[in-house]
Amino acid sequence: MLRWSLIFLVLALIAAVFGFGGIAGAAASIAKILFFIFVAFLVLSFLLSLINKSKGTR
């Protein structure tokens, strides 16, 4: 998912350079949404691994 976020970010930067403001804005918004979803999954995965480790030591 982070890969897709970076792809849309690059697409937004290229579109902005060529003056396609609407496309650049849409691609940047998609990249931002995908990035925050990735961060949420990262935090959730980290918390679940901590919970599983604490259950395994009892």
PDB file of N, CA and C in Angstrom:
ATOM      1  N   MET A   1       0.823  -1.186   0.000  1.00  0.00           N
ATOM      2  CA  MET A   1       0.000   0.000   0.000  1.00  0.00           C
ATOM      3  C   MET A   1       0.870   1.254   0.000  1.00  0.00           C
ATOM      4  N   LEU A   2       1.983   1.165   0.677  1.00  0.00           N
ATOM      5  CA  LEU A   2       2.904   2.306   0.663  1.00  0.00           C
ATOM      6  C   LEU A   2       3.431   2.530  -0.754  1.00  0.00           C
ATOM      7  N   ARG A   3       3.594   1.452  -1.489  1.00  0.00           N
ATOM      8  CA  ARG A   3       4.048   1.567  -2.877  1.00  0.00           C
ATOM      9  C   ARG A   3       3.055   2.371  -3.707  1.00  0.00           C
ATOM     10  N   TRP A   4       1.759   2.086  -3.548  1.00  0.00           N
ATOM     11  CA  TRP A   4       0.737   2.822  -4.296  1.00  0.00           C
ATOM     12  C   TRP A   4       0.707   4.284  -3.890  1.00  0.00           C
ATOM     13  N   SER A   5       0.917   4.531  -2.618  1.00  0.00           N
ATOM     14  CA  SER A   5       0.952   5.907  -2.141  1.00  0.00           C
ATOM     15  C   SER A   5       2.090   6.677  -2.803  1.00  0.00           C
ATOM     16  N   LEU A   6       3.244   6.048  -2.894  1.00  0.00           N
ATOM     17  CA  LEU A   6       4.385   6.704  -3.535  1.00  0.00           C
ATOM     18  C   LEU A   6       4.162   6.880  -5.037  1.00  0.00           C
ATOM     19  N   ILE A   7       3.504   5.910  -5.679  1.00  0.00           N
ATOM     20  CA  ILE A   7       3.208   6.033  -7.110  1.00  0.00           C
ATOM     21  C   ILE A   7       2.292   7.228  -7.364  1.00  0.00           C
ATOM     22  N   PHE A   8       1.226   7.367  -6.546  1.00  0.00           N
ATOM     23  CA  PHE A   8       0.320   8.493  -6.734  1.00  0.00           C
ATOM     24  C   PHE A   8       0.993   9.821  -6.392  1.00  0.00           C
ATOM     25  N   LEU A   9       1.913   9.804  -5.446  1.00  0.00           N
ATOM     26  CA  LEU A   9       2.655  11.022  -5.123  1.00  0.00           C
ATOM     27  C   LEU A   9       3.514  11.460  -6.307  1.00  0.00           C
ATOM     28  N   VAL A  10       4.208  10.524  -6.912  1.00  0.00           N
ATOM     29  CA  VAL A  10       5.029  10.847  -8.087  1.00  0.00           C
ATOM     30  C   VAL A  10       4.146  11.313  -9.235  1.00  0.00           C
ATOM     31  N   LEU A  11       3.016  10.645  -9.434  1.00  0.00           N
ATOM     32  CA  LEU A  11       2.073  11.056 -10.481  1.00  0.00           C
ATOM     33  C   LEU A  11       1.593  12.481 -10.241  1.00  0.00           C
ATOM     34  N   ALA A  12       1.315  12.825  -8.994  1.00  0.00           N
ATOM     35  CA  ALA A  12       0.869  14.178  -8.657  1.00  0.00           C
ATOM     36  C   ALA A  12       1.966  15.201  -8.942  1.00  0.00           C
ATOM     37  N   LEU A  13       3.201  14.860  -8.613  1.00  0.00           N
ATOM     38  CA  LEU A  13       4.304  15.787  -8.869  1.00  0.00           C
ATOM     39  C   LEU A  13       4.530  15.993 -10.364  1.00  0.00           C
ATOM     40  N   ILE A  14       4.450  14.920 -11.134  1.00  0.00           N
ATOM     41  CA  ILE A  14       4.622  15.040 -12.584  1.00  0.00           C
ATOM     42  C   ILE A  14       3.488  15.855 -13.187  1.00  0.00           C
ATOM     43  N   ALA A  15       2.249  15.595 -12.753  1.00  0.00           N
ATOM     44  CA  ALA A  15       1.103  16.348 -13.268  1.00  0.00           C
ATOM     45  C   ALA A  15       1.212  17.825 -12.896  1.00  0.00           C
ATOM     46  N   ALA A  16       1.714  18.116 -11.705  1.00  0.00           N
ATOM     47  CA  ALA A  16       1.865  19.509 -11.282  1.00  0.00           C
ATOM     48  C   ALA A  16       2.911  20.233 -12.136  1.00  0.00           C
ATOM     49  N   VAL A  17       3.981  19.526 -12.481  1.00  0.00           N
ATOM     50  CA  VAL A  17       5.021  20.131 -13.314  1.00  0.00           C
ATOM     51  C   VAL A  17       4.469  20.500 -14.685  1.00  0.00           C
ATOM     52  N   PHE A  18       3.614  19.652 -15.231  1.00  0.00           N
ATOM     53  CA  PHE A  18       3.050  19.905 -16.560  1.00  0.00           C
ATOM     54  C   PHE A  18       1.807  20.794 -16.519  1.00  0.00           C
ATOM     55  N   GLY A  19       1.374  21.198 -15.340  1.00  0.00           N
ATOM     56  CA  GLY A  19       0.284  22.153 -15.225  1.00  0.00           C
ATOM     57  C   GLY A  19      -1.104  21.559 -15.168  1.00  0.00           C
ATOM     58  N   PHE A  20      -1.223  20.269 -14.928  1.00  0.00           N
ATOM     59  CA  PHE A  20      -2.531  19.639 -14.798  1.00  0.00           C
ATOM     60  C   PHE A  20      -2.950  19.695 -13.329  1.00  0.00           C
ATOM     61  N   GLY A  21      -3.498  20.828 -12.921  1.00  0.00           N
ATOM     62  CA  GLY A  21      -3.807  21.053 -11.512  1.00  0.00           C
ATOM     63  C   GLY A  21      -4.833  20.101 -10.948  1.00  0.00           C
ATOM     64  N   GLY A  22      -5.889  19.817 -11.703  1.00  0.00           N
ATOM     65  CA  GLY A  22      -6.934  18.927 -11.206  1.00  0.00           C
ATOM     66  C   GLY A  22      -6.443  17.512 -11.005  1.00  0.00           C
ATOM     67  N   ILE A  23      -5.673  17.031 -11.967  1.00  0.00           N
ATOM     68  CA  ILE A  23      -5.131  15.675 -11.870  1.00  0.00           C
ATOM     69  C   ILE A  23      -4.112  15.595 -10.739  1.00  0.00           C
ATOM     70  N   ALA A  24      -3.299  16.624 -10.611  1.00  0.00           N
ATOM     71  CA  ALA A  24      -2.290  16.638  -9.550  1.00  0.00           C
ATOM     72  C   ALA A  24      -2.949  16.644  -8.176  1.00  0.00           C
ATOM     73  N   GLY A  25      -4.008  17.428  -8.032  1.00  0.00           N
ATOM     74  CA  GLY A  25      -4.710  17.477  -6.749  1.00  0.00           C
ATOM     75  C   GLY A  25      -5.363  16.155  -6.404  1.00  0.00           C
ATOM     76  N   ALA A  26      -5.977  15.525  -7.400  1.00  0.00           N
ATOM     77  CA  ALA A  26      -6.627  14.235  -7.156  1.00  0.00           C
ATOM     78  C   ALA A  26      -5.608  13.164  -6.805  1.00  0.00           C
ATOM     79  N   ALA A  27      -4.504  13.120  -7.528  1.00  0.00           N
ATOM     80  CA  ALA A  27      -3.473  12.119  -7.248  1.00  0.00           C
ATOM     81  C   ALA A  27      -2.834  12.362  -5.886  1.00  0.00           C
ATOM     82  N   ALA A  28      -2.640  13.611  -5.521  1.00  0.00           N
ATOM     83  CA  ALA A  28      -2.070  13.919  -4.205  1.00  0.00           C
ATOM     84  C   ALA A  28      -3.035  13.511  -3.094  1.00  0.00           C
ATOM     85  N   SER A  29      -4.320  13.715  -3.305  1.00  0.00           N
ATOM     86  CA  SER A  29      -5.312  13.310  -2.306  1.00  0.00           C
ATOM     87  C   SER A  29      -5.333  11.800  -2.132  1.00  0.00           C
ATOM     88  N   ILE A  30      -5.267  11.076  -3.243  1.00  0.00           N
ATOM     89  CA  ILE A  30      -5.243   9.613  -3.165  1.00  0.00           C
ATOM     90  C   ILE A  30      -3.985   9.144  -2.450  1.00  0.00           C
ATOM     91  N   ALA A  31      -2.851   9.756  -2.765  1.00  0.00           N
ATOM     92  CA  ALA A  31      -1.597   9.384  -2.110  1.00  0.00           C
ATOM     93  C   ALA A  31      -1.664   9.649  -0.609  1.00  0.00           C
ATOM     94  N   LYS A  32      -2.262  10.762  -0.224  1.00  0.00           N
ATOM     95  CA  LYS A  32      -2.376  11.100   1.192  1.00  0.00           C
ATOM     96  C   LYS A  32      -3.265  10.102   1.926  1.00  0.00           C
ATOM     97  N   ILE A  33      -4.393   9.748   1.321  1.00  0.00           N
ATOM     98  CA  ILE A  33      -5.315   8.788   1.943  1.00  0.00           C
ATOM     99  C   ILE A  33      -4.641   7.429   2.097  1.00  0.00           C
ATOM    100  N   LEU A  34      -3.984   6.958   1.031  1.00  0.00           N
ATOM    101  CA  LEU A  34      -3.317   5.653   1.092  1.00  0.00           C
ATOM    102  C   LEU A  34      -2.189   5.653   2.119  1.00  0.00           C
ATOM    103  N   PHE A  35      -1.477   6.759   2.243  1.00  0.00           N
ATOM    104  CA  PHE A  35      -0.407   6.850   3.229  1.00  0.00           C
ATOM    105  C   PHE A  35      -0.951   6.724   4.649  1.00  0.00           C
ATOM    106  N   PHE A  36      -2.053   7.419   4.936  1.00  0.00           N
ATOM    107  CA  PHE A  36      -2.606   7.348   6.287  1.00  0.00           C
ATOM    108  C   PHE A  36      -3.212   5.981   6.580  1.00  0.00           C
ATOM    109  N   ILE A  37      -3.770   5.322   5.570  1.00  0.00           N
ATOM    110  CA  ILE A  37      -4.247   3.950   5.763  1.00  0.00           C
ATOM    111  C   ILE A  37      -3.068   3.039   6.079  1.00  0.00           C
ATOM    112  N   PHE A  38      -1.954   3.216   5.365  1.00  0.00           N
ATOM    113  CA  PHE A  38      -0.753   2.436   5.626  1.00  0.00           C
ATOM    114  C   PHE A  38      -0.251   2.656   7.054  1.00  0.00           C
ATOM    115  N   VAL A  39      -0.229   3.896   7.488  1.00  0.00           N
ATOM    116  CA  VAL A  39       0.239   4.200   8.850  1.00  0.00           C
ATOM    117  C   VAL A  39      -0.690   3.573   9.885  1.00  0.00           C
ATOM    118  N   ALA A  40      -1.991   3.617   9.638  1.00  0.00           N
ATOM    119  CA  ALA A  40      -2.948   3.008  10.567  1.00  0.00           C
ATOM    120  C   ALA A  40      -2.727   1.504  10.655  1.00  0.00           C
ATOM    121  N   PHE A  41      -2.512   0.836   9.512  1.00  0.00           N
ATOM    122  CA  PHE A  41      -2.238  -0.602   9.521  1.00  0.00           C
ATOM    123  C   PHE A  41      -0.917  -0.911  10.208  1.00  0.00           C
ATOM    124  N   LEU A  42       0.063  -0.059  10.040  1.00  0.00           N
ATOM    125  CA  LEU A  42       1.359  -0.238  10.693  1.00  0.00           C
ATOM    126  C   LEU A  42       1.203  -0.188  12.212  1.00  0.00           C
ATOM    127  N   VAL A  43       0.486   0.809  12.704  1.00  0.00           N
ATOM    128  CA  VAL A  43       0.274   0.952  14.152  1.00  0.00           C
ATOM    129  C   VAL A  43      -0.536  -0.224  14.687  1.00  0.00           C
ATOM    130  N   LEU A  44      -1.587  -0.612  13.956  1.00  0.00           N
ATOM    131  CA  LEU A  44      -2.416  -1.743  14.372  1.00  0.00           C
ATOM    132  C   LEU A  44      -1.596  -3.024  14.423  1.00  0.00           C
ATOM    133  N   SER A  45      -0.765  -3.251  13.435  1.00  0.00           N
ATOM    134  CA  SER A  45       0.091  -4.432  13.413  1.00  0.00           C
ATOM    135  C   SER A  45       1.070  -4.427  14.579  1.00  0.00           C
ATOM    136  N   PHE A  46       1.637  -3.271  14.868  1.00  0.00           N
ATOM    137  CA  PHE A  46       2.573  -3.156  15.987  1.00  0.00           C
ATOM    138  C   PHE A  46       1.876  -3.461  17.310  1.00  0.00           C
ATOM    139  N   LEU A  47       0.676  -2.907  17.495  1.00  0.00           N
ATOM    140  CA  LEU A  47      -0.059  -3.151  18.742  1.00  0.00           C
ATOM    141  C   LEU A  47      -0.466  -4.613  18.879  1.00  0.00           C
ATOM    142  N   LEU A  48      -0.901  -5.218  17.789  1.00  0.00           N
ATOM    143  CA  LEU A  48      -1.286  -6.625  17.847  1.00  0.00           C
ATOM    144  C   LEU A  48      -0.091  -7.522  18.136  1.00  0.00           C
ATOM    145  N   SER A  49       1.068  -7.170  17.621  1.00  0.00           N
ATOM    146  CA  SER A  49       2.257  -7.973  17.920  1.00  0.00           C
ATOM    147  C   SER A  49       2.648  -7.837  19.384  1.00  0.00           C
ATOM    148  N   LEU A  50       2.475  -6.650  19.960  1.00  0.00           N
ATOM    149  CA  LEU A  50       2.761  -6.479  21.394  1.00  0.00           C
ATOM    150  C   LEU A  50       1.788  -7.280  22.247  1.00  0.00           C
ATOM    151  N   ILE A  51       0.527  -7.297  21.849  1.00  0.00           N
ATOM    152  CA  ILE A  51      -0.482  -8.051  22.593  1.00  0.00           C
ATOM    153  C   ILE A  51      -0.192  -9.545  22.515  1.00  0.00           C
ATOM    154  N   ASN A  52       0.164 -10.026  21.331  1.00  0.00           N
ATOM    155  CA  ASN A  52       0.461 -11.451  21.165  1.00  0.00           C
ATOM    156  C   ASN A  52       1.714 -11.855  21.922  1.00  0.00           C
ATOM    157  N   LYS A  53       2.714 -11.004  21.987  1.00  0.00           N
ATOM    158  CA  LYS A  53       3.926 -11.312  22.741  1.00  0.00           C
ATOM    159  C   LYS A  53       3.637 -11.378  24.236  1.00  0.00           C
ATOM    160  N   SER A  54       2.779 -10.491  24.715  1.00  0.00           N
ATOM    161  CA  SER A  54       2.478 -10.496  26.143  1.00  0.00           C
ATOM    162  C   SER A  54       1.648 -11.716  26.521  1.00  0.00           C
ATOM    163  N   LYS A  55       0.812 -12.207  25.649  1.00  0.00           N
ATOM    164  CA  LYS A  55       0.038 -13.421  25.929  1.00  0.00           C
ATOM    165  C   LYS A  55       0.915 -14.657  25.900  1.00  0.00           C
ATOM    166  N   GLY A  56       1.947 -14.657  25.090  1.00  0.00           N
ATOM    167  CA  GLY A  56       2.819 -15.815  24.959  1.00  0.00           C
ATOM    168  C   GLY A  56       3.764 -16.002  26.130  1.00  0.00           C
ATOM    169  N   THR A  57       4.030 -14.978  26.928  1.00  0.00           N
ATOM    170  CA  THR A  57       4.979 -15.084  28.030  1.00  0.00           C
ATOM    171  C   THR A  57       4.330 -15.541  29.327  1.00  0.00           C
ATOM    172  N   ARG A  58       3.044 -15.658  29.356  1.00  0.00           N
ATOM    173  CA  ARG A  58       2.375 -16.074  30.600  1.00  0.00           C
ATOM    174  C   ARG A  58       2.397 -17.544  30.812  1.00  0.00           C
TER     175      ARG A  58
END
